[in-house]
Amino acid sequence: MSNYFLSPRAISSLHRQKKWSIAQFGYDRTKKYFLDMNEKLQYLSDNYRKIPNRNDLTGDYGLCLYTVLKHYVVFIPLDDGIYIADILGKMQDIPNILQENFSVFQRELMNFKK
């Protein structure tokens, strides 16, 4: 079993998404959604080598994308799993967000590796 590690940005995104989801759908439905998300993130960390590249959305940044429920997981492969840089809604402008935040992703990854 591999590991997945959440960046500060990914944690912040999850908190915002959870707060919005509770307001829209209630606690029980939100809890189930995020339990399902956790299962899918674990699946991703165990199988990320099999995930095709999405260069159409990620460009040449060396970032990877995986669809989890209604989100894109932005991740970077590591020796012992994956580093999740962010979790974005599918309706967002993914290429633009990745371009604008690439330096943040890199900085957070470097801090994580320390």
PDB file of N, CA and C in Angstrom:
ATOM      1  N   MET A   1       0.846  -1.184   0.000  1.00  0.00           N
ATOM      2  CA  MET A   1       0.000   0.000   0.000  1.00  0.00           C
ATOM      3  C   MET A   1       0.888   1.242   0.000  1.00  0.00           C
ATOM      4  N   SER A   2       0.646   2.117  -0.948  1.00  0.00           N
ATOM      5  CA  SER A   2       1.391   3.366  -1.055  1.00  0.00           C
ATOM      6  C   SER A   2       0.715   4.450  -0.232  1.00  0.00           C
ATOM      7  N   ASN A   3       1.402   5.550  -0.109  1.00  0.00           N
ATOM      8  CA  ASN A   3       0.893   6.677   0.667  1.00  0.00           C
ATOM      9  C   ASN A   3       0.502   7.822  -0.251  1.00  0.00           C
ATOM     10  N   TYR A   4      -0.412   8.638   0.240  1.00  0.00           N
ATOM     11  CA  TYR A   4      -0.618   9.926  -0.402  1.00  0.00           C
ATOM     12  C   TYR A   4      -0.454  11.001   0.660  1.00  0.00           C
ATOM     13  N   PHE A   5       0.151  12.091   0.223  1.00  0.00           N
ATOM     14  CA  PHE A   5       0.457  13.212   1.101  1.00  0.00           C
ATOM     15  C   PHE A   5      -0.242  14.450   0.555  1.00  0.00           C
ATOM     16  N   LEU A   6      -0.913  15.167   1.415  1.00  0.00           N
ATOM     17  CA  LEU A   6      -1.646  16.366   1.006  1.00  0.00           C
ATOM     18  C   LEU A   6      -0.813  17.615   1.251  1.00  0.00           C
ATOM     19  N   SER A   7      -0.731  18.463   0.241  1.00  0.00           N
ATOM     20  CA  SER A   7      -0.065  19.750   0.394  1.00  0.00           C
ATOM     21  C   SER A   7      -0.941  20.674   1.237  1.00  0.00           C
ATOM     22  N   PRO A   8      -0.367  21.745   1.775  1.00  0.00           N
ATOM     23  CA  PRO A   8      -1.198  22.734   2.478  1.00  0.00           C
ATOM     24  C   PRO A   8      -2.317  23.271   1.589  1.00  0.00           C
ATOM     25  N   ARG A   9      -2.020  23.456   0.311  1.00  0.00           N
ATOM     26  CA  ARG A   9      -3.025  23.965  -0.622  1.00  0.00           C
ATOM     27  C   ARG A   9      -4.161  22.953  -0.801  1.00  0.00           C
ATOM     28  N   ALA A  10      -3.825  21.670  -0.925  1.00  0.00           N
ATOM     29  CA  ALA A  10      -4.838  20.629  -1.075  1.00  0.00           C
ATOM     30  C   ALA A  10      -5.713  20.542   0.174  1.00  0.00           C
ATOM     31  N   ILE A  11      -5.100  20.654   1.335  1.00  0.00           N
ATOM     32  CA  ILE A  11      -5.863  20.626   2.594  1.00  0.00           C
ATOM     33  C   ILE A  11      -6.839  21.796   2.636  1.00  0.00           C
ATOM     34  N   SER A  12      -6.371  22.966   2.252  1.00  0.00           N
ATOM     35  CA  SER A  12      -7.227  24.148   2.232  1.00  0.00           C
ATOM     36  C   SER A  12      -8.383  23.961   1.241  1.00  0.00           C
ATOM     37  N   SER A  13      -8.091  23.416   0.071  1.00  0.00           N
ATOM     38  CA  SER A  13      -9.142  23.170  -0.925  1.00  0.00           C
ATOM     39  C   SER A  13     -10.177  22.195  -0.384  1.00  0.00           C
ATOM     40  N   LEU A  14      -9.727  21.134   0.263  1.00  0.00           N
ATOM     41  CA  LEU A  14     -10.655  20.156   0.823  1.00  0.00           C
ATOM     42  C   LEU A  14     -11.538  20.773   1.903  1.00  0.00           C
ATOM     43  N   HIS A  15     -10.954  21.627   2.745  1.00  0.00           N
ATOM     44  CA  HIS A  15     -11.748  22.295   3.782  1.00  0.00           C
ATOM     45  C   HIS A  15     -12.832  23.174   3.155  1.00  0.00           C
ATOM     46  N   ARG A  16     -12.473  23.938   2.137  1.00  0.00           N
ATOM     47  CA  ARG A  16     -13.458  24.789   1.451  1.00  0.00           C
ATOM     48  C   ARG A  16     -14.546  23.940   0.797  1.00  0.00           C
ATOM     49  N   GLN A  17     -14.133  22.861   0.129  1.00  0.00           N
ATOM     50  CA  GLN A  17     -15.098  22.002  -0.546  1.00  0.00           C
ATOM     51  C   GLN A  17     -16.023  21.313   0.451  1.00  0.00           C
ATOM     52  N   LYS A  18     -15.474  20.921   1.580  1.00  0.00           N
ATOM     53  CA  LYS A  18     -16.292  20.257   2.603  1.00  0.00           C
ATOM     54  C   LYS A  18     -17.317  21.234   3.190  1.00  0.00           C
ATOM     55  N   LYS A  19     -16.885  22.440   3.475  1.00  0.00           N
ATOM     56  CA  LYS A  19     -17.787  23.459   4.018  1.00  0.00           C
ATOM     57  C   LYS A  19     -18.919  23.756   3.041  1.00  0.00           C
ATOM     58  N   TRP A  20     -18.576  23.902   1.754  1.00  0.00           N
ATOM     59  CA  TRP A  20     -19.584  24.160   0.733  1.00  0.00           C
ATOM     60  C   TRP A  20     -20.541  22.980   0.635  1.00  0.00           C
ATOM     61  N   SER A  21     -20.000  21.763   0.641  1.00  0.00           N
ATOM     62  CA  SER A  21     -20.817  20.561   0.501  1.00  0.00           C
ATOM     63  C   SER A  21     -21.796  20.401   1.665  1.00  0.00           C
ATOM     64  N   ILE A  22     -21.357  20.671   2.874  1.00  0.00           N
ATOM     65  CA  ILE A  22     -22.256  20.581   4.032  1.00  0.00           C
ATOM     66  C   ILE A  22     -23.410  21.567   3.883  1.00  0.00           C
ATOM     67  N   ALA A  23     -23.081  22.783   3.431  1.00  0.00           N
ATOM     68  CA  ALA A  23     -24.130  23.790   3.242  1.00  0.00           C
ATOM     69  C   ALA A  23     -25.118  23.382   2.146  1.00  0.00           C
ATOM     70  N   GLN A  24     -24.634  22.726   1.103  1.00  0.00           N
ATOM     71  CA  GLN A  24     -25.482  22.341  -0.026  1.00  0.00           C
ATOM     72  C   GLN A  24     -26.230  21.027   0.198  1.00  0.00           C
ATOM     73  N   PHE A  25     -25.554  20.042   0.802  1.00  0.00           N
ATOM     74  CA  PHE A  25     -26.089  18.682   0.827  1.00  0.00           C
ATOM     75  C   PHE A  25     -26.265  18.089   2.218  1.00  0.00           C
ATOM     76  N   GLY A  26     -25.779  18.767   3.243  1.00  0.00           N
ATOM     77  CA  GLY A  26     -25.902  18.253   4.594  1.00  0.00           C
ATOM     78  C   GLY A  26     -24.709  17.408   5.010  1.00  0.00           C
ATOM     79  N   TYR A  27     -24.649  17.169   6.308  1.00  0.00           N
ATOM     80  CA  TYR A  27     -23.495  16.495   6.896  1.00  0.00           C
ATOM     81  C   TYR A  27     -23.358  15.043   6.434  1.00  0.00           C
ATOM     82  N   ASP A  28     -24.439  14.266   6.469  1.00  0.00           N
ATOM     83  CA  ASP A  28     -24.349  12.836   6.162  1.00  0.00           C
ATOM     84  C   ASP A  28     -23.900  12.581   4.725  1.00  0.00           C
ATOM     85  N   ARG A  29     -24.486  13.291   3.795  1.00  0.00           N
ATOM     86  CA  ARG A  29     -24.098  13.118   2.379  1.00  0.00           C
ATOM     87  C   ARG A  29     -22.654  13.564   2.149  1.00  0.00           C
ATOM     88  N   THR A  30     -22.261  14.651   2.798  1.00  0.00           N
ATOM     89  CA  THR A  30     -20.890  15.145   2.678  1.00  0.00           C
ATOM     90  C   THR A  30     -19.903  14.136   3.265  1.00  0.00           C
ATOM     91  N   LYS A  31     -20.250  13.579   4.415  1.00  0.00           N
ATOM     92  CA  LYS A  31     -19.364  12.587   5.036  1.00  0.00           C
ATOM     93  C   LYS A  31     -19.146  11.403   4.102  1.00  0.00           C
ATOM     94  N   LYS A  32     -20.209  10.894   3.497  1.00  0.00           N
ATOM     95  CA  LYS A  32     -20.081   9.771   2.570  1.00  0.00           C
ATOM     96  C   LYS A  32     -19.223  10.152   1.365  1.00  0.00           C
ATOM     97  N   TYR A  33     -19.441  11.343   0.825  1.00  0.00           N
ATOM     98  CA  TYR A  33     -18.679  11.812  -0.337  1.00  0.00           C
ATOM     99  C   TYR A  33     -17.185  11.831  -0.028  1.00  0.00           C
ATOM    100  N   PHE A  34     -16.833  12.358   1.133  1.00  0.00           N
ATOM    101  CA  PHE A  34     -15.418  12.471   1.463  1.00  0.00           C
ATOM    102  C   PHE A  34     -14.807  11.132   1.879  1.00  0.00           C
ATOM    103  N   LEU A  35     -15.598  10.223   2.389  1.00  0.00           N
ATOM    104  CA  LEU A  35     -15.102   8.863   2.624  1.00  0.00           C
ATOM    105  C   LEU A  35     -14.821   8.175   1.280  1.00  0.00           C
ATOM    106  N   ASP A  36     -15.721   8.374   0.325  1.00  0.00           N
ATOM    107  CA  ASP A  36     -15.498   7.841  -1.025  1.00  0.00           C
ATOM    108  C   ASP A  36     -14.253   8.466  -1.651  1.00  0.00           C
ATOM    109  N   MET A  37     -14.086   9.761  -1.458  1.00  0.00           N
ATOM    110  CA  MET A  37     -12.916  10.438  -2.006  1.00  0.00           C
ATOM    111  C   MET A  37     -11.641   9.848  -1.405  1.00  0.00           C
ATOM    112  N   ASN A  38     -11.638   9.616  -0.105  1.00  0.00           N
ATOM    113  CA  ASN A  38     -10.471   9.036   0.544  1.00  0.00           C
ATOM    114  C   ASN A  38     -10.121   7.671  -0.069  1.00  0.00           C
ATOM    115  N   GLU A  39     -11.134   6.849  -0.313  1.00  0.00           N
ATOM    116  CA  GLU A  39     -10.902   5.542  -0.948  1.00  0.00           C
ATOM    117  C   GLU A  39     -10.272   5.709  -2.326  1.00  0.00           C
ATOM    118  N   LYS A  40     -10.775   6.654  -3.090  1.00  0.00           N
ATOM    119  CA  LYS A  40     -10.264   6.869  -4.440  1.00  0.00           C
ATOM    120  C   LYS A  40      -8.854   7.456  -4.419  1.00  0.00           C
ATOM    121  N   LEU A  41      -8.551   8.282  -3.430  1.00  0.00           N
ATOM    122  CA  LEU A  41      -7.191   8.808  -3.303  1.00  0.00           C
ATOM    123  C   LEU A  41      -6.218   7.684  -2.948  1.00  0.00           C
ATOM    124  N   GLN A  42      -6.653   6.762  -2.120  1.00  0.00           N
ATOM    125  CA  GLN A  42      -5.805   5.615  -1.796  1.00  0.00           C
ATOM    126  C   GLN A  42      -5.591   4.746  -3.032  1.00  0.00           C
ATOM    127  N   TYR A  43      -6.656   4.543  -3.800  1.00  0.00           N
ATOM    128  CA  TYR A  43      -6.531   3.792  -5.055  1.00  0.00           C
ATOM    129  C   TYR A  43      -5.513   4.478  -5.971  1.00  0.00           C
ATOM    130  N   LEU A  44      -5.627   5.784  -6.091  1.00  0.00           N
ATOM    131  CA  LEU A  44      -4.701   6.539  -6.927  1.00  0.00           C
ATOM    132  C   LEU A  44      -3.270   6.356  -6.456  1.00  0.00           C
ATOM    133  N   SER A  45      -3.037   6.466  -5.161  1.00  0.00           N
ATOM    134  CA  SER A  45      -1.666   6.342  -4.654  1.00  0.00           C
ATOM    135  C   SER A  45      -1.097   4.946  -4.907  1.00  0.00           C
ATOM    136  N   ASP A  46      -1.958   3.935  -4.932  1.00  0.00           N
ATOM    137  CA  ASP A  46      -1.511   2.568  -5.200  1.00  0.00           C
ATOM    138  C   ASP A  46      -1.328   2.288  -6.691  1.00  0.00           C
ATOM    139  N   ASN A  47      -1.987   3.066  -7.540  1.00  0.00           N
ATOM    140  CA  ASN A  47      -2.017   2.758  -8.973  1.00  0.00           C
ATOM    141  C   ASN A  47      -1.613   3.910  -9.882  1.00  0.00           C
ATOM    142  N   TYR A  48      -0.960   4.929  -9.360  1.00  0.00           N
ATOM    143  CA  TYR A  48      -0.698   6.135 -10.150  1.00  0.00           C
ATOM    144  C   TYR A  48       0.151   5.862 -11.388  1.00  0.00           C
ATOM    145  N   ARG A  49       0.947   4.818 -11.375  1.00  0.00           N
ATOM    146  CA  ARG A  49       1.793   4.522 -12.543  1.00  0.00           C
ATOM    147  C   ARG A  49       0.961   4.099 -13.752  1.00  0.00           C
ATOM    148  N   LYS A  50      -0.259   3.662 -13.518  1.00  0.00           N
ATOM    149  CA  LYS A  50      -1.150   3.215 -14.591  1.00  0.00           C
ATOM    150  C   LYS A  50      -2.011   4.346 -15.153  1.00  0.00           C
ATOM    151  N   ILE A  51      -1.957   5.506 -14.519  1.00  0.00           N
ATOM    152  CA  ILE A  51      -2.817   6.626 -14.914  1.00  0.00           C
ATOM    153  C   ILE A  51      -2.207   7.327 -16.131  1.00  0.00           C
ATOM    154  N   PRO A  52      -2.971   7.469 -17.207  1.00  0.00           N
ATOM    155  CA  PRO A  52      -2.436   8.159 -18.390  1.00  0.00           C
ATOM    156  C   PRO A  52      -2.216   9.646 -18.112  1.00  0.00           C
ATOM    157  N   ASN A  53      -1.216  10.199 -18.785  1.00  0.00           N
ATOM    158  CA  ASN A  53      -0.938  11.635 -18.655  1.00  0.00           C
ATOM    159  C   ASN A  53      -2.072  12.438 -19.263  1.00  0.00           C
ATOM    160  N   ARG A  54      -2.306  13.600 -18.711  1.00  0.00           N
ATOM    161  CA  ARG A  54      -3.318  14.535 -19.228  1.00  0.00           C
ATOM    162  C   ARG A  54      -2.631  15.829 -19.652  1.00  0.00           C
ATOM    163  N   ASN A  55      -1.658  15.694 -20.555  1.00  0.00           N
ATOM    164  CA  ASN A  55      -0.914  16.865 -21.011  1.00  0.00           C
ATOM    165  C   ASN A  55      -1.807  17.909 -21.653  1.00  0.00           C
ATOM    166  N   ASP A  56      -2.990  17.502 -22.126  1.00  0.00           N
ATOM    167  CA  ASP A  56      -3.925  18.472 -22.693  1.00  0.00           C
ATOM    168  C   ASP A  56      -4.359  19.481 -21.640  1.00  0.00           C
ATOM    169  N   LEU A  57      -4.342  19.076 -20.373  1.00  0.00           N
ATOM    170  CA  LEU A  57      -4.714  19.976 -19.277  1.00  0.00           C
ATOM    171  C   LEU A  57      -3.516  20.447 -18.464  1.00  0.00           C
ATOM    172  N   THR A  58      -2.481  19.613 -18.350  1.00  0.00           N
ATOM    173  CA  THR A  58      -1.357  19.947 -17.467  1.00  0.00           C
ATOM    174  C   THR A  58      -0.206  20.627 -18.179  1.00  0.00           C
ATOM    175  N   GLY A  59      -0.162  20.559 -19.505  1.00  0.00           N
ATOM    176  CA  GLY A  59       0.955  21.157 -20.225  1.00  0.00           C
ATOM    177  C   GLY A  59       2.247  20.441 -19.893  1.00  0.00           C
ATOM    178  N   ASP A  60       3.332  21.184 -19.833  1.00  0.00           N
ATOM    179  CA  ASP A  60       4.656  20.621 -19.601  1.00  0.00           C
ATOM    180  C   ASP A  60       5.154  20.862 -18.175  1.00  0.00           C
ATOM    181  N   TYR A  61       4.257  20.903 -17.218  1.00  0.00           N
ATOM    182  CA  TYR A  61       4.643  21.223 -15.853  1.00  0.00           C
ATOM    183  C   TYR A  61       5.076  20.010 -15.036  1.00  0.00           C
ATOM    184  N   GLY A  62       4.931  18.814 -15.571  1.00  0.00           N
ATOM    185  CA  GLY A  62       5.294  17.622 -14.817  1.00  0.00           C
ATOM    186  C   GLY A  62       4.268  17.264 -13.758  1.00  0.00           C
ATOM    187  N   LEU A  63       3.104  17.863 -13.849  1.00  0.00           N
ATOM    188  CA  LEU A  63       2.015  17.549 -12.930  1.00  0.00           C
ATOM    189  C   LEU A  63       1.133  16.473 -13.549  1.00  0.00           C
ATOM    190  N   CYS A  64       0.466  15.728 -12.710  1.00  0.00           N
ATOM    191  CA  CYS A  64      -0.447  14.689 -13.176  1.00  0.00           C
ATOM    192  C   CYS A  64      -1.846  15.004 -12.671  1.00  0.00           C
ATOM    193  N   LEU A  65      -2.834  14.527 -13.409  1.00  0.00           N
ATOM    194  CA  LEU A  65      -4.235  14.734 -13.036  1.00  0.00           C
ATOM    195  C   LEU A  65      -4.953  13.399 -12.990  1.00  0.00           C
ATOM    196  N   TYR A  66      -5.874  13.309 -12.062  1.00  0.00           N
ATOM    197  CA  TYR A  66      -6.719  12.125 -11.966  1.00  0.00           C
ATOM    198  C   TYR A  66      -8.104  12.589 -11.541  1.00  0.00           C
ATOM    199  N   THR A  67      -9.126  12.062 -12.185  1.00  0.00           N
ATOM    200  CA  THR A  67     -10.495  12.413 -11.851  1.00  0.00           C
ATOM    201  C   THR A  67     -10.959  11.596 -10.657  1.00  0.00           C
ATOM    202  N   VAL A  68     -11.387  12.296  -9.621  1.00  0.00           N
ATOM    203  CA  VAL A  68     -11.975  11.666  -8.439  1.00  0.00           C
ATOM    204  C   VAL A  68     -13.319  12.332  -8.208  1.00  0.00           C
ATOM    205  N   LEU A  69     -14.369  11.555  -8.444  1.00  0.00           N
ATOM    206  CA  LEU A  69     -15.728  12.050  -8.287  1.00  0.00           C
ATOM    207  C   LEU A  69     -15.903  13.305  -9.124  1.00  0.00           C
ATOM    208  N   LYS A  70     -16.179  14.450  -8.512  1.00  0.00           N
ATOM    209  CA  LYS A  70     -16.409  15.685  -9.270  1.00  0.00           C
ATOM    210  C   LYS A  70     -15.200  16.617  -9.238  1.00  0.00           C
ATOM    211  N   HIS A  71     -14.021  16.031  -9.029  1.00  0.00           N
ATOM    212  CA  HIS A  71     -12.804  16.829  -8.880  1.00  0.00           C
ATOM    213  C   HIS A  71     -11.663  16.269  -9.719  1.00  0.00           C
ATOM    214  N   TYR A  72     -10.696  17.135  -9.970  1.00  0.00           N
ATOM    215  CA  TYR A  72      -9.407  16.721 -10.500  1.00  0.00           C
ATOM    216  C   TYR A  72      -8.415  16.766  -9.359  1.00  0.00           C
ATOM    217  N   VAL A  73      -7.698  15.687  -9.175  1.00  0.00           N
ATOM    218  CA  VAL A  73      -6.613  15.646  -8.204  1.00  0.00           C
ATOM    219  C   VAL A  73      -5.333  15.969  -8.971  1.00  0.00           C
ATOM    220  N   VAL A  74      -4.646  17.019  -8.546  1.00  0.00           N
ATOM    221  CA  VAL A  74      -3.372  17.404  -9.131  1.00  0.00           C
ATOM    222  C   VAL A  74      -2.304  16.758  -8.252  1.00  0.00           C
ATOM    223  N   PHE A  75      -1.480  15.887  -8.862  1.00  0.00           N
ATOM    224  CA  PHE A  75      -0.509  15.178  -8.043  1.00  0.00           C
ATOM    225  C   PHE A  75       0.848  15.058  -8.721  1.00  0.00           C
ATOM    226  N   ILE A  76       1.837  14.758  -7.883  1.00  0.00           N
ATOM    227  CA  ILE A  76       3.208  14.564  -8.327  1.00  0.00           C
ATOM    228  C   ILE A  76       3.654  13.206  -7.789  1.00  0.00           C
ATOM    229  N   PRO A  77       4.106  12.301  -8.666  1.00  0.00           N
ATOM    230  CA  PRO A  77       4.570  10.997  -8.194  1.00  0.00           C
ATOM    231  C   PRO A  77       5.824  11.120  -7.314  1.00  0.00           C
ATOM    232  N   LEU A  78       5.867  10.311  -6.284  1.00  0.00           N
ATOM    233  CA  LEU A  78       7.019  10.209  -5.387  1.00  0.00           C
ATOM    234  C   LEU A  78       7.494   8.755  -5.370  1.00  0.00           C
ATOM    235  N   ASP A  79       8.610   8.504  -4.742  1.00  0.00           N
ATOM    236  CA  ASP A  79       9.104   7.131  -4.637  1.00  0.00           C
ATOM    237  C   ASP A  79       8.165   6.243  -3.827  1.00  0.00           C
ATOM    238  N   ASP A  80       7.502   6.814  -2.831  1.00  0.00           N
ATOM    239  CA  ASP A  80       6.676   6.012  -1.929  1.00  0.00           C
ATOM    240  C   ASP A  80       5.191   6.371  -1.988  1.00  0.00           C
ATOM    241  N   GLY A  81       4.744   6.907  -3.116  1.00  0.00           N
ATOM    242  CA  GLY A  81       3.337   7.268  -3.257  1.00  0.00           C
ATOM    243  C   GLY A  81       3.187   8.506  -4.110  1.00  0.00           C
ATOM    244  N   ILE A  82       2.268   9.366  -3.715  1.00  0.00           N
ATOM    245  CA  ILE A  82       2.024  10.594  -4.465  1.00  0.00           C
ATOM    246  C   ILE A  82       1.901  11.783  -3.516  1.00  0.00           C
ATOM    247  N   TYR A  83       2.241  12.939  -4.046  1.00  0.00           N
ATOM    248  CA  TYR A  83       2.087  14.210  -3.352  1.00  0.00           C
ATOM    249  C   TYR A  83       0.945  14.936  -4.041  1.00  0.00           C
ATOM    250  N   ILE A  84      -0.128  15.172  -3.320  1.00  0.00           N
ATOM    251  CA  ILE A  84      -1.298  15.836  -3.894  1.00  0.00           C
ATOM    252  C   ILE A  84      -1.132  17.342  -3.722  1.00  0.00           C
ATOM    253  N   ALA A  85      -0.927  18.009  -4.854  1.00  0.00           N
ATOM    254  CA  ALA A  85      -0.673  19.452  -4.852  1.00  0.00           C
ATOM    255  C   ALA A  85      -1.956  20.251  -4.661  1.00  0.00           C
ATOM    256  N   ASP A  86      -3.062  19.751  -5.226  1.00  0.00           N
ATOM    257  CA  ASP A  86      -4.334  20.460  -5.086  1.00  0.00           C
ATOM    258  C   ASP A  86      -5.464  19.534  -5.523  1.00  0.00           C
ATOM    259  N   ILE A  87      -6.672  19.896  -5.145  1.00  0.00           N
ATOM    260  CA  ILE A  87      -7.867  19.193  -5.572  1.00  0.00           C
ATOM    261  C   ILE A  87      -8.828  20.257  -6.080  1.00  0.00           C
ATOM    262  N   LEU A  88      -9.105  20.193  -7.384  1.00  0.00           N
ATOM    263  CA  LEU A  88      -9.849  21.249  -8.064  1.00  0.00           C
ATOM    264  C   LEU A  88     -11.177  20.727  -8.591  1.00  0.00           C
ATOM    265  N   GLY A  89     -12.169  21.585  -8.606  1.00  0.00           N
ATOM    266  CA  GLY A  89     -13.452  21.235  -9.200  1.00  0.00           C
ATOM    267  C   GLY A  89     -13.318  21.091 -10.706  1.00  0.00           C
ATOM    268  N   LYS A  90     -14.046  20.163 -11.274  1.00  0.00           N
ATOM    269  CA  LYS A  90     -13.951  19.912 -12.718  1.00  0.00           C
ATOM    270  C   LYS A  90     -14.358  21.111 -13.564  1.00  0.00           C
ATOM    271  N   MET A  91     -15.178  21.972 -13.016  1.00  0.00           N
ATOM    272  CA  MET A  91     -15.671  23.105 -13.791  1.00  0.00           C
ATOM    273  C   MET A  91     -14.685  24.271 -13.816  1.00  0.00           C
ATOM    274  N   GLN A  92     -13.599  24.170 -13.074  1.00  0.00           N
ATOM    275  CA  GLN A  92     -12.617  25.250 -13.037  1.00  0.00           C
ATOM    276  C   GLN A  92     -11.745  25.226 -14.292  1.00  0.00           C
ATOM    277  N   ASP A  93     -11.071  26.326 -14.551  1.00  0.00           N
ATOM    278  CA  ASP A  93     -10.157  26.449 -15.691  1.00  0.00           C
ATOM    279  C   ASP A  93      -8.824  25.805 -15.298  1.00  0.00           C
ATOM    280  N   ILE A  94      -8.739  24.499 -15.469  1.00  0.00           N
ATOM    281  CA  ILE A  94      -7.612  23.719 -14.971  1.00  0.00           C
ATOM    282  C   ILE A  94      -6.269  24.186 -15.547  1.00  0.00           C
ATOM    283  N   PRO A  95      -6.117  24.308 -16.869  1.00  0.00           N
ATOM    284  CA  PRO A  95      -4.812  24.739 -17.390  1.00  0.00           C
ATOM    285  C   PRO A  95      -4.352  26.078 -16.818  1.00  0.00           C
ATOM    286  N   ASN A  96      -5.268  27.029 -16.711  1.00  0.00           N
ATOM    287  CA  ASN A  96      -4.917  28.348 -16.191  1.00  0.00           C
ATOM    288  C   ASN A  96      -4.529  28.279 -14.708  1.00  0.00           C
ATOM    289  N   ILE A  97      -5.283  27.525 -13.923  1.00  0.00           N
ATOM    290  CA  ILE A  97      -4.977  27.387 -12.497  1.00  0.00           C
ATOM    291  C   ILE A  97      -3.617  26.732 -12.299  1.00  0.00           C
ATOM    292  N   LEU A  98      -3.329  25.700 -13.079  1.00  0.00           N
ATOM    293  CA  LEU A  98      -2.033  25.030 -12.954  1.00  0.00           C
ATOM    294  C   LEU A  98      -0.889  25.965 -13.322  1.00  0.00           C
ATOM    295  N   GLN A  99      -1.084  26.725 -14.380  1.00  0.00           N
ATOM    296  CA  GLN A  99      -0.045  27.678 -14.793  1.00  0.00           C
ATOM    297  C   GLN A  99       0.172  28.741 -13.718  1.00  0.00           C
ATOM    298  N   GLU A 100      -0.903  29.306 -13.206  1.00  0.00           N
ATOM    299  CA  GLU A 100      -0.796  30.372 -12.218  1.00  0.00           C
ATOM    300  C   GLU A 100      -0.212  29.896 -10.891  1.00  0.00           C
ATOM    301  N   ASN A 101      -0.414  28.633 -10.549  1.00  0.00           N
ATOM    302  CA  ASN A 101      -0.025  28.140  -9.230  1.00  0.00           C
ATOM    303  C   ASN A 101       1.155  27.177  -9.241  1.00  0.00           C
ATOM    304  N   PHE A 102       1.785  26.992 -10.395  1.00  0.00           N
ATOM    305  CA  PHE A 102       2.878  26.040 -10.480  1.00  0.00           C
ATOM    306  C   PHE A 102       3.990  26.342  -9.488  1.00  0.00           C
ATOM    307  N   SER A 103       4.354  27.604  -9.341  1.00  0.00           N
ATOM    308  CA  SER A 103       5.433  27.947  -8.402  1.00  0.00           C
ATOM    309  C   SER A 103       5.028  27.645  -6.959  1.00  0.00           C
ATOM    310  N   VAL A 104       3.751  27.811  -6.622  1.00  0.00           N
ATOM    311  CA  VAL A 104       3.260  27.468  -5.282  1.00  0.00           C
ATOM    312  C   VAL A 104       3.371  25.968  -5.071  1.00  0.00           C
ATOM    313  N   PHE A 105       2.959  25.184  -6.076  1.00  0.00           N
ATOM    314  CA  PHE A 105       3.058  23.727  -5.976  1.00  0.00           C
ATOM    315  C   PHE A 105       4.511  23.307  -5.752  1.00  0.00           C
ATOM    316  N   GLN A 106       5.419  23.884  -6.512  1.00  0.00           N
ATOM    317  CA  GLN A 106       6.841  23.550  -6.393  1.00  0.00           C
ATOM    318  C   GLN A 106       7.382  23.909  -5.008  1.00  0.00           C
ATOM    319  N   ARG A 107       7.038  25.090  -4.527  1.00  0.00           N
ATOM    320  CA  ARG A 107       7.525  25.540  -3.212  1.00  0.00           C
ATOM    321  C   ARG A 107       7.000  24.630  -2.107  1.00  0.00           C
ATOM    322  N   GLU A 108       5.728  24.295  -2.173  1.00  0.00           N
ATOM    323  CA  GLU A 108       5.158  23.420  -1.144  1.00  0.00           C
ATOM    324  C   GLU A 108       5.779  22.021  -1.206  1.00  0.00           C
ATOM    325  N   LEU A 109       6.055  21.540  -2.411  1.00  0.00           N
ATOM    326  CA  LEU A 109       6.701  20.237  -2.545  1.00  0.00           C
ATOM    327  C   LEU A 109       8.114  20.265  -1.961  1.00  0.00           C
ATOM    328  N   MET A 110       8.862  21.326  -2.222  1.00  0.00           N
ATOM    329  CA  MET A 110      10.216  21.428  -1.678  1.00  0.00           C
ATOM    330  C   MET A 110      10.179  21.480  -0.154  1.00  0.00           C
ATOM    331  N   ASN A 111       9.229  22.205   0.408  1.00  0.00           N
ATOM    332  CA  ASN A 111       9.093  22.243   1.866  1.00  0.00           C
ATOM    333  C   ASN A 111       8.714  20.877   2.424  1.00  0.00           C
ATOM    334  N   PHE A 112       7.901  20.148   1.699  1.00  0.00           N
ATOM    335  CA  PHE A 112       7.504  18.807   2.120  1.00  0.00           C
ATOM    336  C   PHE A 112       8.689  17.856   2.131  1.00  0.00           C
ATOM    337  N   LYS A 113       9.571  17.979   1.148  1.00  0.00           N
ATOM    338  CA  LYS A 113      10.708  17.071   1.040  1.00  0.00           C
ATOM    339  C   LYS A 113      11.791  17.337   2.074  1.00  0.00           C
ATOM    340  N   LYS A 114      11.740  18.497   2.716  1.00  0.00           N
ATOM    341  CA  LYS A 114      12.780  18.844   3.709  1.00  0.00           C
ATOM    342  C   LYS A 114      12.691  17.983   4.930  1.00  0.00           C
TER     343      LYS A 114
END
